[in-house]
Protein backbone atom coordinates (compact mmCIF):
# COMPACT_ATOMS: atom_id res chain seq x y z
CA UNK A 1 16.60 0.81 20.77
CA UNK A 2 16.25 4.46 21.71
CA UNK A 3 19.16 5.36 19.42
CA UNK A 4 17.39 3.70 16.48
CA UNK A 5 14.19 5.62 17.20
CA UNK A 6 16.14 8.87 17.32
CA UNK A 7 17.86 8.05 14.03
CA UNK A 8 14.56 7.22 12.33
CA UNK A 9 13.00 10.44 13.61
CA UNK A 10 15.94 12.52 12.39
CA UNK A 11 16.21 10.88 8.97
CA UNK A 12 12.61 9.92 8.33
CA UNK A 13 11.19 13.42 8.14
CA UNK A 14 13.75 14.80 5.62
CA UNK A 15 13.35 11.67 3.49
CA UNK A 16 9.57 12.05 3.54
CA UNK A 17 9.81 15.73 2.56
CA UNK A 18 12.26 14.90 -0.23
CA UNK A 19 10.00 12.22 -1.70
CA UNK A 20 6.99 14.55 -1.46
CA UNK A 21 8.79 17.36 -3.29
CA UNK A 22 10.15 14.98 -5.93
CA UNK A 23 6.64 13.65 -6.54
CA UNK A 24 5.28 17.17 -6.99
CA UNK A 25 8.13 18.04 -9.35
CA UNK A 26 7.57 14.86 -11.35
CA UNK A 27 3.90 15.65 -11.96
CA UNK A 28 4.82 19.13 -13.19
CA UNK A 29 7.51 17.73 -15.48
CA UNK A 30 5.02 15.26 -16.96
CA UNK A 31 2.60 18.14 -17.61
CA UNK A 32 5.34 20.16 -19.33
CA UNK A 33 6.30 17.13 -21.42
CA UNK A 34 2.70 16.61 -22.51
CA UNK A 35 2.39 20.25 -23.57
CA UNK A 36 5.63 20.06 -25.54
CA UNK A 37 4.50 16.90 -27.31
CA UNK A 38 1.18 18.57 -28.15
CA UNK A 39 2.94 21.63 -29.53
CA UNK A 40 5.27 19.46 -31.60
CA UNK A 41 2.30 17.72 -33.24
CA UNK A 42 0.69 21.00 -34.36
């Protein structure tokens, strides 16, 4: 049981950070896409 807890602690934090950074990147990419679509319509 202690080995599982250690594994979760070691892997859980990097996975959490990765998902957080991907979410931030996704919102910025959506904003860039919206601006490009707006520019295309002008």
